[in-house]
């Protein structure tokens, strides 16, 4: 966990170089569907429809 501004700035400078830029193609990945039965790949939807990724906790 980052606790001070200097550490945060150092972390940001290190990882910003690896961060995707506006307009970059998202890296492909696969996940199980909501039922946990079928694998779904991001690339299956590329150029077909918008995809929204939502990260969070449902606890």
C-alpha atoms as a PDB file:
ATOM      1  CA  UNK A   1       0.000   0.000   0.000  1.00  0.00           C
ATOM      2  CA  UNK A   2       1.295   3.451  -0.899  1.00  0.00           C
ATOM      3  CA  UNK A   3       1.345   5.692   2.148  1.00  0.00           C
ATOM      4  CA  UNK A   4       2.999   8.919   1.072  1.00  0.00           C
ATOM      5  CA  UNK A   5       3.131  11.239  -1.936  1.00  0.00           C
ATOM      6  CA  UNK A   6       6.772  10.496  -2.819  1.00  0.00           C
ATOM      7  CA  UNK A   7       6.104   6.757  -2.919  1.00  0.00           C
ATOM      8  CA  UNK A   8       3.000   7.338  -5.035  1.00  0.00           C
ATOM      9  CA  UNK A   9       4.935   9.474  -7.519  1.00  0.00           C
ATOM     10  CA  UNK A  10       7.720   6.880  -7.766  1.00  0.00           C
ATOM     11  CA  UNK A  11       5.171   4.109  -8.338  1.00  0.00           C
ATOM     12  CA  UNK A  12       3.354   6.145 -10.989  1.00  0.00           C
ATOM     13  CA  UNK A  13       6.539   6.973 -12.919  1.00  0.00           C
ATOM     14  CA  UNK A  14       7.492   3.293 -12.951  1.00  0.00           C
ATOM     15  CA  UNK A  15       4.145   1.911 -14.093  1.00  0.00           C
ATOM     16  CA  UNK A  16       2.828   4.717 -16.351  1.00  0.00           C
ATOM     17  CA  UNK A  17       5.254   3.594 -19.051  1.00  0.00           C
ATOM     18  CA  UNK A  18       3.491   0.209 -19.153  1.00  0.00           C
ATOM     19  CA  UNK A  19      -0.048   1.603 -19.006  1.00  0.00           C
ATOM     20  CA  UNK A  20      -2.209   1.487 -22.129  1.00  0.00           C
ATOM     21  CA  UNK A  21      -2.580   4.749 -23.997  1.00  0.00           C
ATOM     22  CA  UNK A  22      -5.793   6.230 -25.386  1.00  0.00           C
ATOM     23  CA  UNK A  23      -6.613   4.409 -28.590  1.00  0.00           C
ATOM     24  CA  UNK A  24      -4.548   1.292 -27.800  1.00  0.00           C
ATOM     25  CA  UNK A  25      -6.167  -2.058 -28.458  1.00  0.00           C
ATOM     26  CA  UNK A  26      -6.990  -3.844 -25.226  1.00  0.00           C
ATOM     27  CA  UNK A  27      -4.998  -7.027 -24.633  1.00  0.00           C
ATOM     28  CA  UNK A  28      -6.946 -10.197 -25.267  1.00  0.00           C
ATOM     29  CA  UNK A  29      -8.039 -12.341 -22.325  1.00  0.00           C
ATOM     30  CA  UNK A  30     -10.646 -14.947 -21.510  1.00  0.00           C
ATOM     31  CA  UNK A  31     -13.026 -15.328 -18.603  1.00  0.00           C
ATOM     32  CA  UNK A  32     -15.823 -17.682 -17.677  1.00  0.00           C
ATOM     33  CA  UNK A  33     -19.364 -16.489 -18.340  1.00  0.00           C
ATOM     34  CA  UNK A  34     -21.672 -15.536 -15.479  1.00  0.00           C
ATOM     35  CA  UNK A  35     -22.704 -19.166 -15.091  1.00  0.00           C
ATOM     36  CA  UNK A  36     -19.090 -20.349 -14.942  1.00  0.00           C
ATOM     37  CA  UNK A  37     -19.646 -22.825 -17.778  1.00  0.00           C
ATOM     38  CA  UNK A  38     -18.313 -21.235 -20.963  1.00  0.00           C
ATOM     39  CA  UNK A  39     -15.100 -19.410 -21.736  1.00  0.00           C
ATOM     40  CA  UNK A  40     -15.540 -15.986 -23.337  1.00  0.00           C
ATOM     41  CA  UNK A  41     -12.685 -14.127 -25.049  1.00  0.00           C
ATOM     42  CA  UNK A  42     -12.513 -10.369 -25.422  1.00  0.00           C
ATOM     43  CA  UNK A  43     -11.328 -10.809 -29.008  1.00  0.00           C
ATOM     44  CA  UNK A  44     -14.626 -12.553 -29.847  1.00  0.00           C
ATOM     45  CA  UNK A  45     -16.314  -9.142 -29.546  1.00  0.00           C
ATOM     46  CA  UNK A  46     -13.654  -6.961 -31.164  1.00  0.00           C
ATOM     47  CA  UNK A  47     -15.069  -4.924 -34.068  1.00  0.00           C
ATOM     48  CA  UNK A  48     -18.552  -6.328 -33.331  1.00  0.00           C
ATOM     49  CA  UNK A  49     -19.907  -4.416 -30.341  1.00  0.00           C
ATOM     50  CA  UNK A  50     -18.819  -2.205 -27.448  1.00  0.00           C
ATOM     51  CA  UNK A  51     -17.623  -4.017 -24.329  1.00  0.00           C
ATOM     52  CA  UNK A  52     -17.738  -2.563 -20.823  1.00  0.00           C
ATOM     53  CA  UNK A  53     -15.482  -4.066 -18.168  1.00  0.00           C
ATOM     54  CA  UNK A  54     -16.555  -3.527 -14.592  1.00  0.00           C
ATOM     55  CA  UNK A  55     -14.221  -4.392 -11.748  1.00  0.00           C
ATOM     56  CA  UNK A  56     -15.481  -4.391  -8.210  1.00  0.00           C
ATOM     57  CA  UNK A  57     -16.499  -6.370  -5.206  1.00  0.00           C
ATOM     58  CA  UNK A  58     -19.919  -7.866  -4.675  1.00  0.00           C
ATOM     59  CA  UNK A  59     -19.419  -8.850  -1.050  1.00  0.00           C
END
